[in-house]
Amino acid sequence: MSTPEPGEFARAWSAAWNHRDVEAVLAHFHDDVVFSSPVAAELLPGTAGVVRGKAALREYWSTALAAHPELHFDVLGVYRGQGVLVINYRNERGGLVNEVLEFDGGLVRRGHGAYLD
C-alpha cells in the first residue's frame, strides 16, 4: 500500500482545514470512507463516534466547523507507515491531536482522530 508524500499531503490537508474548505479536505477521501473520532461522538449523537461515507463525513465536518469558528491546525509532524500517514498537530485550543489516515489507491479509506487527554 502506498501513501502520498507526507509533507505535501500534510501541507495541503492543513491548508484546506485552515481555509475551512471541507470539499478540499474531502477530496482526499474515498466515497465509502469510515472515520472515527471522539468529537464526532459529541457532535453527532447516535454515531458512537463513527462516521460512514463521504456524505456523512461532510455533514460531520461542516457541523464541527460551525461549532468551532476559530478552528486552526498547526502541523507538528507527519509519520509514514505501511499505507498509513499520521499527522500530529496542535489545534486552536492548544490541544495535541493525531490524525491516523489509512490509504487505499491514493485516497483515505479509514481515518481516526486521536486526542491527548
PDB file of N, CA and C in Angstrom:
ATOM      1  N   MET A   1       0.842  -1.187   0.000  1.00  0.00           N
ATOM      2  CA  MET A   1       0.000   0.000   0.000  1.00  0.00           C
ATOM      3  C   MET A   1       0.880   1.241   0.000  1.00  0.00           C
ATOM      4  N   SER A   2       0.550   2.159  -0.873  1.00  0.00           N
ATOM      5  CA  SER A   2       1.345   3.380  -0.942  1.00  0.00           C
ATOM      6  C   SER A   2       0.603   4.523  -0.261  1.00  0.00           C
ATOM      7  N   THR A   3       1.375   5.528   0.068  1.00  0.00           N
ATOM      8  CA  THR A   3       0.815   6.745   0.648  1.00  0.00           C
ATOM      9  C   THR A   3       1.327   7.930  -0.163  1.00  0.00           C
ATOM     10  N   PRO A   4       0.633   9.055  -0.106  1.00  0.00           N
ATOM     11  CA  PRO A   4       1.163  10.260  -0.743  1.00  0.00           C
ATOM     12  C   PRO A   4       2.420  10.729  -0.007  1.00  0.00           C
ATOM     13  N   GLU A   5       3.151  11.626  -0.621  1.00  0.00           N
ATOM     14  CA  GLU A   5       4.332  12.196   0.028  1.00  0.00           C
ATOM     15  C   GLU A   5       3.853  12.895   1.296  1.00  0.00           C
ATOM     16  N   PRO A   6       4.384  12.520   2.466  1.00  0.00           N
ATOM     17  CA  PRO A   6       3.844  13.004   3.741  1.00  0.00           C
ATOM     18  C   PRO A   6       3.809  14.520   3.906  1.00  0.00           C
ATOM     19  N   GLY A   7       4.910  15.189   3.615  1.00  0.00           N
ATOM     20  CA  GLY A   7       4.958  16.634   3.814  1.00  0.00           C
ATOM     21  C   GLY A   7       3.976  17.374   2.931  1.00  0.00           C
ATOM     22  N   GLU A   8       3.917  16.994   1.653  1.00  0.00           N
ATOM     23  CA  GLU A   8       2.999  17.640   0.722  1.00  0.00           C
ATOM     24  C   GLU A   8       1.547  17.403   1.140  1.00  0.00           C
ATOM     25  N   PHE A   9       1.241  16.149   1.523  1.00  0.00           N
ATOM     26  CA  PHE A   9      -0.123  15.843   1.929  1.00  0.00           C
ATOM     27  C   PHE A   9      -0.511  16.661   3.162  1.00  0.00           C
ATOM     28  N   ALA A  10       0.350  16.701   4.168  1.00  0.00           N
ATOM     29  CA  ALA A  10       0.040  17.420   5.409  1.00  0.00           C
ATOM     30  C   ALA A  10      -0.139  18.912   5.150  1.00  0.00           C
ATOM     31  N   ARG A  11       0.670  19.487   4.261  1.00  0.00           N
ATOM     32  CA  ARG A  11       0.521  20.917   3.933  1.00  0.00           C
ATOM     33  C   ARG A  11      -0.828  21.182   3.265  1.00  0.00           C
ATOM     34  N   ALA A  12      -1.196  20.342   2.287  1.00  0.00           N
ATOM     35  CA  ALA A  12      -2.469  20.530   1.599  1.00  0.00           C
ATOM     36  C   ALA A  12      -3.639  20.297   2.552  1.00  0.00           C
ATOM     37  N   TRP A  13      -3.535  19.268   3.381  1.00  0.00           N
ATOM     38  CA  TRP A  13      -4.585  18.918   4.341  1.00  0.00           C
ATOM     39  C   TRP A  13      -4.814  20.059   5.338  1.00  0.00           C
ATOM     40  N   SER A  14      -3.720  20.560   5.929  1.00  0.00           N
ATOM     41  CA  SER A  14      -3.875  21.630   6.927  1.00  0.00           C
ATOM     42  C   SER A  14      -4.315  22.937   6.277  1.00  0.00           C
ATOM     43  N   ALA A  15      -3.846  23.229   5.066  1.00  0.00           N
ATOM     44  CA  ALA A  15      -4.276  24.448   4.379  1.00  0.00           C
ATOM     45  C   ALA A  15      -5.781  24.394   4.103  1.00  0.00           C
ATOM     46  N   ALA A  16      -6.274  23.229   3.684  1.00  0.00           N
ATOM     47  CA  ALA A  16      -7.717  23.092   3.437  1.00  0.00           C
ATOM     48  C   ALA A  16      -8.506  23.315   4.721  1.00  0.00           C
ATOM     49  N   TRP A  17      -8.053  22.704   5.820  1.00  0.00           N
ATOM     50  CA  TRP A  17      -8.741  22.917   7.106  1.00  0.00           C
ATOM     51  C   TRP A  17      -8.671  24.378   7.527  1.00  0.00           C
ATOM     52  N   ASN A  18      -7.504  24.968   7.440  1.00  0.00           N
ATOM     53  CA  ASN A  18      -7.336  26.344   7.909  1.00  0.00           C
ATOM     54  C   ASN A  18      -8.085  27.360   7.040  1.00  0.00           C
ATOM     55  N   HIS A  19      -8.423  26.972   5.806  1.00  0.00           N
ATOM     56  CA  HIS A  19      -9.260  27.805   4.944  1.00  0.00           C
ATOM     57  C   HIS A  19     -10.726  27.404   5.051  1.00  0.00           C
ATOM     58  N   ARG A  20     -11.004  26.428   5.929  1.00  0.00           N
ATOM     59  CA  ARG A  20     -12.365  25.974   6.188  1.00  0.00           C
ATOM     60  C   ARG A  20     -13.015  25.432   4.921  1.00  0.00           C
ATOM     61  N   ASP A  21     -12.220  24.756   4.092  1.00  0.00           N
ATOM     62  CA  ASP A  21     -12.651  24.228   2.804  1.00  0.00           C
ATOM     63  C   ASP A  21     -12.903  22.727   2.919  1.00  0.00           C
ATOM     64  N   VAL A  22     -14.094  22.366   3.365  1.00  0.00           N
ATOM     65  CA  VAL A  22     -14.445  20.964   3.595  1.00  0.00           C
ATOM     66  C   VAL A  22     -14.310  20.146   2.314  1.00  0.00           C
ATOM     67  N   GLU A  23     -14.696  20.715   1.182  1.00  0.00           N
ATOM     68  CA  GLU A  23     -14.611  19.965  -0.078  1.00  0.00           C
ATOM     69  C   GLU A  23     -13.159  19.639  -0.436  1.00  0.00           C
ATOM     70  N   ALA A  24     -12.232  20.551  -0.166  1.00  0.00           N
ATOM     71  CA  ALA A  24     -10.819  20.274  -0.434  1.00  0.00           C
ATOM     72  C   ALA A  24     -10.296  19.171   0.484  1.00  0.00           C
ATOM     73  N   VAL A  25     -10.747  19.141   1.737  1.00  0.00           N
ATOM     74  CA  VAL A  25     -10.354  18.061   2.642  1.00  0.00           C
ATOM     75  C   VAL A  25     -10.947  16.747   2.150  1.00  0.00           C
ATOM     76  N   LEU A  26     -12.223  16.752   1.799  1.00  0.00           N
ATOM     77  CA  LEU A  26     -12.909  15.536   1.356  1.00  0.00           C
ATOM     78  C   LEU A  26     -12.330  14.961   0.068  1.00  0.00           C
ATOM     79  N   ALA A  27     -11.674  15.779  -0.736  1.00  0.00           N
ATOM     80  CA  ALA A  27     -11.079  15.299  -1.990  1.00  0.00           C
ATOM     81  C   ALA A  27     -10.048  14.202  -1.749  1.00  0.00           C
ATOM     82  N   HIS A  28      -9.536  14.097  -0.530  1.00  0.00           N
ATOM     83  CA  HIS A  28      -8.527  13.087  -0.185  1.00  0.00           C
ATOM     84  C   HIS A  28      -9.139  11.768   0.276  1.00  0.00           C
ATOM     85  N   PHE A  29     -10.472  11.663   0.291  1.00  0.00           N
ATOM     86  CA  PHE A  29     -11.152  10.522   0.901  1.00  0.00           C
ATOM     87  C   PHE A  29     -11.997   9.742  -0.105  1.00  0.00           C
ATOM     88  N   HIS A  30     -12.033   8.407   0.076  1.00  0.00           N
ATOM     89  CA  HIS A  30     -12.917   7.544  -0.705  1.00  0.00           C
ATOM     90  C   HIS A  30     -14.372   7.864  -0.373  1.00  0.00           C
ATOM     91  N   ASP A  31     -15.264   7.563  -1.303  1.00  0.00           N
ATOM     92  CA  ASP A  31     -16.693   7.774  -1.071  1.00  0.00           C
ATOM     93  C   ASP A  31     -17.217   6.937   0.090  1.00  0.00           C
ATOM     94  N   ASP A  32     -16.630   5.749   0.299  1.00  0.00           N
ATOM     95  CA  ASP A  32     -17.099   4.855   1.370  1.00  0.00           C
ATOM     96  C   ASP A  32     -16.183   4.880   2.592  1.00  0.00           C
ATOM     97  N   VAL A  33     -15.549   6.011   2.827  1.00  0.00           N
ATOM     98  CA  VAL A  33     -14.644   6.179   3.967  1.00  0.00           C
ATOM     99  C   VAL A  33     -15.366   5.903   5.286  1.00  0.00           C
ATOM    100  N   VAL A  34     -14.591   5.423   6.253  1.00  0.00           N
ATOM    101  CA  VAL A  34     -15.066   5.279   7.631  1.00  0.00           C
ATOM    102  C   VAL A  34     -14.119   6.104   8.494  1.00  0.00           C
ATOM    103  N   PHE A  35     -14.670   6.997   9.307  1.00  0.00           N
ATOM    104  CA  PHE A  35     -13.857   7.892  10.133  1.00  0.00           C
ATOM    105  C   PHE A  35     -14.367   7.841  11.565  1.00  0.00           C
ATOM    106  N   SER A  36     -13.437   7.702  12.515  1.00  0.00           N
ATOM    107  CA  SER A  36     -13.841   7.691  13.927  1.00  0.00           C
ATOM    108  C   SER A  36     -13.160   8.825  14.671  1.00  0.00           C
ATOM    109  N   SER A  37     -13.908   9.383  15.635  1.00  0.00           N
ATOM    110  CA  SER A  37     -13.388  10.495  16.421  1.00  0.00           C
ATOM    111  C   SER A  37     -14.259  10.708  17.644  1.00  0.00           C
ATOM    112  N   PRO A  38     -13.639  11.018  18.786  1.00  0.00           N
ATOM    113  CA  PRO A  38     -14.457  11.363  19.947  1.00  0.00           C
ATOM    114  C   PRO A  38     -15.253  12.652  19.737  1.00  0.00           C
ATOM    115  N   VAL A  39     -14.772  13.537  18.876  1.00  0.00           N
ATOM    116  CA  VAL A  39     -15.513  14.764  18.582  1.00  0.00           C
ATOM    117  C   VAL A  39     -16.789  14.423  17.812  1.00  0.00           C
ATOM    118  N   ALA A  40     -16.712  13.451  16.921  1.00  0.00           N
ATOM    119  CA  ALA A  40     -17.911  13.011  16.196  1.00  0.00           C
ATOM    120  C   ALA A  40     -18.948  12.473  17.172  1.00  0.00           C
ATOM    121  N   ALA A  41     -18.492  11.772  18.198  1.00  0.00           N
ATOM    122  CA  ALA A  41     -19.420  11.246  19.208  1.00  0.00           C
ATOM    123  C   ALA A  41     -20.149  12.387  19.912  1.00  0.00           C
ATOM    124  N   GLU A  42     -19.455  13.501  20.154  1.00  0.00           N
ATOM    125  CA  GLU A  42     -20.072  14.666  20.804  1.00  0.00           C
ATOM    126  C   GLU A  42     -21.035  15.394  19.876  1.00  0.00           C
ATOM    127  N   LEU A  43     -20.606  15.623  18.634  1.00  0.00           N
ATOM    128  CA  LEU A  43     -21.377  16.452  17.709  1.00  0.00           C
ATOM    129  C   LEU A  43     -22.492  15.706  16.991  1.00  0.00           C
ATOM    130  N   LEU A  44     -22.348  14.393  16.850  1.00  0.00           N
ATOM    131  CA  LEU A  44     -23.347  13.593  16.138  1.00  0.00           C
ATOM    132  C   LEU A  44     -23.812  12.452  17.031  1.00  0.00           C
ATOM    133  N   PRO A  45     -24.669  12.758  17.984  1.00  0.00           N
ATOM    134  CA  PRO A  45     -25.158  11.707  18.885  1.00  0.00           C
ATOM    135  C   PRO A  45     -25.769  10.552  18.083  1.00  0.00           C
ATOM    136  N   GLY A  46     -25.553   9.370  18.569  1.00  0.00           N
ATOM    137  CA  GLY A  46     -26.078   8.198  17.895  1.00  0.00           C
ATOM    138  C   GLY A  46     -25.098   7.540  16.946  1.00  0.00           C
ATOM    139  N   THR A  47     -23.957   8.199  16.682  1.00  0.00           N
ATOM    140  CA  THR A  47     -22.963   7.604  15.783  1.00  0.00           C
ATOM    141  C   THR A  47     -21.929   6.783  16.522  1.00  0.00           C
ATOM    142  N   ALA A  48     -21.879   6.921  17.846  1.00  0.00           N
ATOM    143  CA  ALA A  48     -20.820   6.303  18.655  1.00  0.00           C
ATOM    144  C   ALA A  48     -19.440   6.738  18.170  1.00  0.00           C
ATOM    145  N   GLY A  49     -19.398   7.912  17.550  1.00  0.00           N
ATOM    146  CA  GLY A  49     -18.119   8.463  17.103  1.00  0.00           C
ATOM    147  C   GLY A  49     -17.610   7.902  15.795  1.00  0.00           C
ATOM    148  N   VAL A  50     -18.431   7.125  15.088  1.00  0.00           N
ATOM    149  CA  VAL A  50     -18.020   6.535  13.811  1.00  0.00           C
ATOM    150  C   VAL A  50     -18.898   7.102  12.703  1.00  0.00           C
ATOM    151  N   VAL A  51     -18.248   7.706  11.713  1.00  0.00           N
ATOM    152  CA  VAL A  51     -18.936   8.328  10.585  1.00  0.00           C
ATOM    153  C   VAL A  51     -18.641   7.490   9.344  1.00  0.00           C
ATOM    154  N   ARG A  52     -19.694   7.116   8.621  1.00  0.00           N
ATOM    155  CA  ARG A  52     -19.542   6.225   7.459  1.00  0.00           C
ATOM    156  C   ARG A  52     -19.993   6.923   6.182  1.00  0.00           C
ATOM    157  N   GLY A  53     -19.057   7.027   5.232  1.00  0.00           N
ATOM    158  CA  GLY A  53     -19.347   7.597   3.926  1.00  0.00           C
ATOM    159  C   GLY A  53     -18.998   9.071   3.842  1.00  0.00           C
ATOM    160  N   LYS A  54     -18.672   9.487   2.620  1.00  0.00           N
ATOM    161  CA  LYS A  54     -18.234  10.862   2.394  1.00  0.00           C
ATOM    162  C   LYS A  54     -19.335  11.877   2.703  1.00  0.00           C
ATOM    163  N   ALA A  55     -20.579  11.553   2.378  1.00  0.00           N
ATOM    164  CA  ALA A  55     -21.682  12.492   2.655  1.00  0.00           C
ATOM    165  C   ALA A  55     -21.833  12.720   4.151  1.00  0.00           C
ATOM    166  N   ALA A  56     -21.749  11.662   4.940  1.00  0.00           N
ATOM    167  CA  ALA A  56     -21.848  11.796   6.402  1.00  0.00           C
ATOM    168  C   ALA A  56     -20.633  12.528   6.960  1.00  0.00           C
ATOM    169  N   LEU A  57     -19.459  12.293   6.360  1.00  0.00           N
ATOM    170  CA  LEU A  57     -18.256  12.988   6.800  1.00  0.00           C
ATOM    171  C   LEU A  57     -18.368  14.482   6.514  1.00  0.00           C
ATOM    172  N   ARG A  58     -18.942  14.827   5.369  1.00  0.00           N
ATOM    173  CA  ARG A  58     -19.187  16.247   5.030  1.00  0.00           C
ATOM    174  C   ARG A  58     -20.083  16.889   6.083  1.00  0.00           C
ATOM    175  N   GLU A  59     -21.144  16.192   6.461  1.00  0.00           N
ATOM    176  CA  GLU A  59     -22.067  16.704   7.481  1.00  0.00           C
ATOM    177  C   GLU A  59     -21.349  16.899   8.815  1.00  0.00           C
ATOM    178  N   TYR A  60     -20.564  15.903   9.216  1.00  0.00           N
ATOM    179  CA  TYR A  60     -19.815  15.984  10.476  1.00  0.00           C
ATOM    180  C   TYR A  60     -18.860  17.170  10.469  1.00  0.00           C
ATOM    181  N   TRP A  61     -18.036  17.265   9.434  1.00  0.00           N
ATOM    182  CA  TRP A  61     -17.042  18.331   9.417  1.00  0.00           C
ATOM    183  C   TRP A  61     -17.684  19.705   9.267  1.00  0.00           C
ATOM    184  N   SER A  62     -18.762  19.823   8.525  1.00  0.00           N
ATOM    185  CA  SER A  62     -19.470  21.101   8.423  1.00  0.00           C
ATOM    186  C   SER A  62     -20.050  21.502   9.774  1.00  0.00           C
ATOM    187  N   THR A  63     -20.585  20.532  10.499  1.00  0.00           N
ATOM    188  CA  THR A  63     -21.100  20.780  11.858  1.00  0.00           C
ATOM    189  C   THR A  63     -19.966  21.206  12.785  1.00  0.00           C
ATOM    190  N   ALA A  64     -18.821  20.531  12.678  1.00  0.00           N
ATOM    191  CA  ALA A  64     -17.661  20.858  13.526  1.00  0.00           C
ATOM    192  C   ALA A  64     -17.157  22.272  13.237  1.00  0.00           C
ATOM    193  N   LEU A  65     -17.088  22.644  11.968  1.00  0.00           N
ATOM    194  CA  LEU A  65     -16.633  23.996  11.628  1.00  0.00           C
ATOM    195  C   LEU A  65     -17.597  25.058  12.142  1.00  0.00           C
ATOM    196  N   ALA A  66     -18.881  24.786  12.074  1.00  0.00           N
ATOM    197  CA  ALA A  66     -19.859  25.741  12.587  1.00  0.00           C
ATOM    198  C   ALA A  66     -19.742  25.884  14.102  1.00  0.00           C
ATOM    199  N   ALA A  67     -19.422  24.782  14.785  1.00  0.00           N
ATOM    200  CA  ALA A  67     -19.291  24.806  16.243  1.00  0.00           C
ATOM    201  C   ALA A  67     -17.967  25.409  16.706  1.00  0.00           C
ATOM    202  N   HIS A  68     -16.969  25.426  15.819  1.00  0.00           N
ATOM    203  CA  HIS A  68     -15.630  25.920  16.170  1.00  0.00           C
ATOM    204  C   HIS A  68     -15.154  26.918  15.102  1.00  0.00           C
ATOM    205  N   PRO A  69     -15.705  28.118  15.088  1.00  0.00           N
ATOM    206  CA  PRO A  69     -15.339  29.075  14.045  1.00  0.00           C
ATOM    207  C   PRO A  69     -13.876  29.497  14.092  1.00  0.00           C
ATOM    208  N   GLU A  70     -13.212  29.272  15.201  1.00  0.00           N
ATOM    209  CA  GLU A  70     -11.805  29.654  15.336  1.00  0.00           C
ATOM    210  C   GLU A  70     -10.853  28.520  14.965  1.00  0.00           C
ATOM    211  N   LEU A  71     -11.383  27.405  14.450  1.00  0.00           N
ATOM    212  CA  LEU A  71     -10.579  26.226  14.153  1.00  0.00           C
ATOM    213  C   LEU A  71      -9.332  26.565  13.356  1.00  0.00           C
ATOM    214  N   HIS A  72      -8.211  25.996  13.801  1.00  0.00           N
ATOM    215  CA  HIS A  72      -6.922  26.185  13.122  1.00  0.00           C
ATOM    216  C   HIS A  72      -6.008  25.034  13.525  1.00  0.00           C
ATOM    217  N   PHE A  73      -5.298  24.478  12.546  1.00  0.00           N
ATOM    218  CA  PHE A  73      -4.375  23.371  12.807  1.00  0.00           C
ATOM    219  C   PHE A  73      -2.949  23.785  12.467  1.00  0.00           C
ATOM    220  N   ASP A  74      -2.018  23.509  13.370  1.00  0.00           N
ATOM    221  CA  ASP A  74      -0.590  23.690  13.125  1.00  0.00           C
ATOM    222  C   ASP A  74       0.063  22.322  13.151  1.00  0.00           C
ATOM    223  N   VAL A  75       0.558  21.874  11.993  1.00  0.00           N
ATOM    224  CA  VAL A  75       1.175  20.557  11.884  1.00  0.00           C
ATOM    225  C   VAL A  75       2.513  20.560  12.610  1.00  0.00           C
ATOM    226  N   LEU A  76       2.691  19.578  13.488  1.00  0.00           N
ATOM    227  CA  LEU A  76       3.929  19.424  14.249  1.00  0.00           C
ATOM    228  C   LEU A  76       4.814  18.323  13.682  1.00  0.00           C
ATOM    229  N   GLY A  77       4.202  17.308  13.079  1.00  0.00           N
ATOM    230  CA  GLY A  77       4.962  16.208  12.499  1.00  0.00           C
ATOM    231  C   GLY A  77       4.058  15.334  11.652  1.00  0.00           C
ATOM    232  N   VAL A  78       4.673  14.635  10.702  1.00  0.00           N
ATOM    233  CA  VAL A  78       3.956  13.702   9.843  1.00  0.00           C
ATOM    234  C   VAL A  78       4.769  12.420   9.797  1.00  0.00           C
ATOM    235  N   TYR A  79       4.088  11.292   9.960  1.00  0.00           N
ATOM    236  CA  TYR A  79       4.757  10.000  10.036  1.00  0.00           C
ATOM    237  C   TYR A  79       4.137   9.058   9.013  1.00  0.00           C
ATOM    238  N   ARG A  80       4.995   8.276   8.335  1.00  0.00           N
ATOM    239  CA  ARG A  80       4.529   7.345   7.309  1.00  0.00           C
ATOM    240  C   ARG A  80       4.695   5.913   7.795  1.00  0.00           C
ATOM    241  N   GLY A  81       3.652   5.129   7.612  1.00  0.00           N
ATOM    242  CA  GLY A  81       3.710   3.695   7.880  1.00  0.00           C
ATOM    243  C   GLY A  81       3.348   2.949   6.616  1.00  0.00           C
ATOM    244  N   GLN A  82       3.008   1.683   6.734  1.00  0.00           N
ATOM    245  CA  GLN A  82       2.585   0.881   5.588  1.00  0.00           C
ATOM    246  C   GLN A  82       1.157   1.270   5.216  1.00  0.00           C
ATOM    247  N   GLY A  83       1.014   2.111   4.209  1.00  0.00           N
ATOM    248  CA  GLY A  83      -0.300   2.547   3.774  1.00  0.00           C
ATOM    249  C   GLY A  83      -0.979   3.513   4.735  1.00  0.00           C
ATOM    250  N   VAL A  84      -0.205   4.109   5.635  1.00  0.00           N
ATOM    251  CA  VAL A  84      -0.753   4.967   6.684  1.00  0.00           C
ATOM    252  C   VAL A  84       0.075   6.250   6.808  1.00  0.00           C
ATOM    253  N   LEU A  85      -0.613   7.359   7.001  1.00  0.00           N
ATOM    254  CA  LEU A  85       0.032   8.596   7.441  1.00  0.00           C
ATOM    255  C   LEU A  85      -0.574   8.993   8.776  1.00  0.00           C
ATOM    256  N   VAL A  86       0.283   9.490   9.657  1.00  0.00           N
ATOM    257  CA  VAL A  86      -0.171  10.047  10.924  1.00  0.00           C
ATOM    258  C   VAL A  86       0.250  11.509  10.928  1.00  0.00           C
ATOM    259  N   ILE A  87      -0.729  12.382  11.082  1.00  0.00           N
ATOM    260  CA  ILE A  87      -0.444  13.817  11.148  1.00  0.00           C
ATOM    261  C   ILE A  87      -0.633  14.243  12.594  1.00  0.00           C
ATOM    262  N   ASN A  88       0.437  14.712  13.196  1.00  0.00           N
ATOM    263  CA  ASN A  88       0.412  15.206  14.560  1.00  0.00           C
ATOM    264  C   ASN A  88       0.294  16.726  14.479  1.00  0.00           C
ATOM    265  N   TYR A  89      -0.728  17.280  15.139  1.00  0.00           N
ATOM    266  CA  TYR A  89      -0.930  18.726  15.059  1.00  0.00           C
ATOM    267  C   TYR A  89      -1.464  19.280  16.372  1.00  0.00           C
ATOM    268  N   ARG A  90      -1.371  20.592  16.475  1.00  0.00           N
ATOM    269  CA  ARG A  90      -1.937  21.325  17.605  1.00  0.00           C
ATOM    270  C   ARG A  90      -3.152  22.075  17.070  1.00  0.00           C
ATOM    271  N   ASN A  91      -4.274  21.955  17.775  1.00  0.00           N
ATOM    272  CA  ASN A  91      -5.477  22.651  17.316  1.00  0.00           C
ATOM    273  C   ASN A  91      -5.543  24.062  17.916  1.00  0.00           C
ATOM    274  N   GLU A  92      -6.603  24.770  17.591  1.00  0.00           N
ATOM    275  CA  GLU A  92      -6.758  26.175  18.001  1.00  0.00           C
ATOM    276  C   GLU A  92      -6.844  26.352  19.510  1.00  0.00           C
ATOM    277  N   ARG A  93      -7.168  25.310  20.243  1.00  0.00           N
ATOM    278  CA  ARG A  93      -7.240  25.379  21.710  1.00  0.00           C
ATOM    279  C   ARG A  93      -5.936  24.951  22.366  1.00  0.00           C
ATOM    280  N   GLY A  94      -4.924  24.653  21.558  1.00  0.00           N
ATOM    281  CA  GLY A  94      -3.634  24.212  22.088  1.00  0.00           C
ATOM    282  C   GLY A  94      -3.562  22.715  22.332  1.00  0.00           C
ATOM    283  N   GLY A  95      -4.642  21.991  22.006  1.00  0.00           N
ATOM    284  CA  GLY A  95      -4.671  20.549  22.211  1.00  0.00           C
ATOM    285  C   GLY A  95      -3.852  19.812  21.180  1.00  0.00           C
ATOM    286  N   LEU A  96      -3.234  18.697  21.611  1.00  0.00           N
ATOM    287  CA  LEU A  96      -2.474  17.850  20.701  1.00  0.00           C
ATOM    288  C   LEU A  96      -3.372  16.764  20.133  1.00  0.00           C
ATOM    289  N   VAL A  97      -3.285  16.595  18.816  1.00  0.00           N
ATOM    290  CA  VAL A  97      -4.147  15.656  18.108  1.00  0.00           C
ATOM    291  C   VAL A  97      -3.310  14.862  17.118  1.00  0.00           C
ATOM    292  N   ASN A  98      -3.682  13.604  16.912  1.00  0.00           N
ATOM    293  CA  ASN A  98      -3.124  12.794  15.831  1.00  0.00           C
ATOM    294  C   ASN A  98      -4.263  12.372  14.927  1.00  0.00           C
ATOM    295  N   GLU A  99      -4.063  12.557  13.649  1.00  0.00           N
ATOM    296  CA  GLU A  99      -4.999  12.080  12.639  1.00  0.00           C
ATOM    297  C   GLU A  99      -4.322  10.876  11.991  1.00  0.00           C
ATOM    298  N   VAL A 100      -4.917   9.713  12.109  1.00  0.00           N
ATOM    299  CA  VAL A 100      -4.366   8.484  11.551  1.00  0.00           C
ATOM    300  C   VAL A 100      -5.174   8.173  10.295  1.00  0.00           C
ATOM    301  N   LEU A 101      -4.498   8.185   9.145  1.00  0.00           N
ATOM    302  CA  LEU A 101      -5.180   8.047   7.862  1.00  0.00           C
ATOM    303  C   LEU A 101      -4.674   6.810   7.138  1.00  0.00           C
ATOM    304  N   GLU A 102      -5.569   5.872   6.863  1.00  0.00           N
ATOM    305  CA  GLU A 102      -5.240   4.632   6.170  1.00  0.00           C
ATOM    306  C   GLU A 102      -5.618   4.785   4.697  1.00  0.00           C
ATOM    307  N   PHE A 103      -4.637   4.577   3.808  1.00  0.00           N
ATOM    308  CA  PHE A 103      -4.815   4.828   2.381  1.00  0.00           C
ATOM    309  C   PHE A 103      -5.093   3.548   1.597  1.00  0.00           C
ATOM    310  N   ASP A 104      -5.842   3.730   0.513  1.00  0.00           N
ATOM    311  CA  ASP A 104      -6.120   2.673  -0.449  1.00  0.00           C
ATOM    312  C   ASP A 104      -6.208   3.346  -1.811  1.00  0.00           C
ATOM    313  N   GLY A 105      -5.243   3.069  -2.681  1.00  0.00           N
ATOM    314  CA  GLY A 105      -5.260   3.674  -4.006  1.00  0.00           C
ATOM    315  C   GLY A 105      -5.064   5.175  -4.009  1.00  0.00           C
ATOM    316  N   GLY A 106      -4.336   5.700  -3.057  1.00  0.00           N
ATOM    317  CA  GLY A 106      -4.045   7.130  -3.006  1.00  0.00           C
ATOM    318  C   GLY A 106      -5.061   7.976  -2.262  1.00  0.00           C
ATOM    319  N   LEU A 107      -6.172   7.359  -1.842  1.00  0.00           N
ATOM    320  CA  LEU A 107      -7.185   8.082  -1.075  1.00  0.00           C
ATOM    321  C   LEU A 107      -7.370   7.423   0.285  1.00  0.00           C
ATOM    322  N   VAL A 108      -7.856   8.190   1.226  1.00  0.00           N
ATOM    323  CA  VAL A 108      -8.071   7.675   2.587  1.00  0.00           C
ATOM    324  C   VAL A 108      -9.313   6.784   2.598  1.00  0.00           C
ATOM    325  N   ARG A 109      -9.127   5.557   3.072  1.00  0.00           N
ATOM    326  CA  ARG A 109     -10.237   4.609   3.207  1.00  0.00           C
ATOM    327  C   ARG A 109     -10.786   4.626   4.642  1.00  0.00           C
ATOM    328  N   ARG A 110      -9.858   4.773   5.619  1.00  0.00           N
ATOM    329  CA  ARG A 110     -10.257   4.838   7.047  1.00  0.00           C
ATOM    330  C   ARG A 110      -9.434   5.952   7.698  1.00  0.00           C
ATOM    331  N   GLY A 111     -10.074   6.655   8.624  1.00  0.00           N
ATOM    332  CA  GLY A 111      -9.383   7.692   9.373  1.00  0.00           C
ATOM    333  C   GLY A 111      -9.799   7.671  10.820  1.00  0.00           C
ATOM    334  N   HIS A 112      -8.902   8.142  11.677  1.00  0.00           N
ATOM    335  CA  HIS A 112      -9.149   8.152  13.106  1.00  0.00           C
ATOM    336  C   HIS A 112      -8.572   9.425  13.705  1.00  0.00           C
ATOM    337  N   GLY A 113      -9.373  10.163  14.452  1.00  0.00           N
ATOM    338  CA  GLY A 113      -8.879  11.305  15.207  1.00  0.00           C
ATOM    339  C   GLY A 113      -8.594  10.838  16.622  1.00  0.00           C
ATOM    340  N   ALA A 114      -7.392  11.139  17.111  1.00  0.00           N
ATOM    341  CA  ALA A 114      -6.992  10.718  18.463  1.00  0.00           C
ATOM    342  C   ALA A 114      -6.477  11.945  19.210  1.00  0.00           C
ATOM    343  N   TYR A 115      -7.045  12.208  20.367  1.00  0.00           N
ATOM    344  CA  TYR A 115      -6.772  13.426  21.127  1.00  0.00           C
ATOM    345  C   TYR A 115      -6.063  13.107  22.428  1.00  0.00           C
ATOM    346  N   LEU A 116      -5.106  13.954  22.803  1.00  0.00           N
ATOM    347  CA  LEU A 116      -4.420  13.818  24.080  1.00  0.00           C
ATOM    348  C   LEU A 116      -5.363  14.260  25.181  1.00  0.00           C
ATOM    349  N   ASP A 117      -5.618  13.394  26.138  1.00  0.00           N
ATOM    350  CA  ASP A 117      -6.491  13.740  27.269  1.00  0.00           C
ATOM    351  C   ASP A 117      -5.810  14.670  28.225  1.00  0.00           C
TER     352      ASP A 117
END
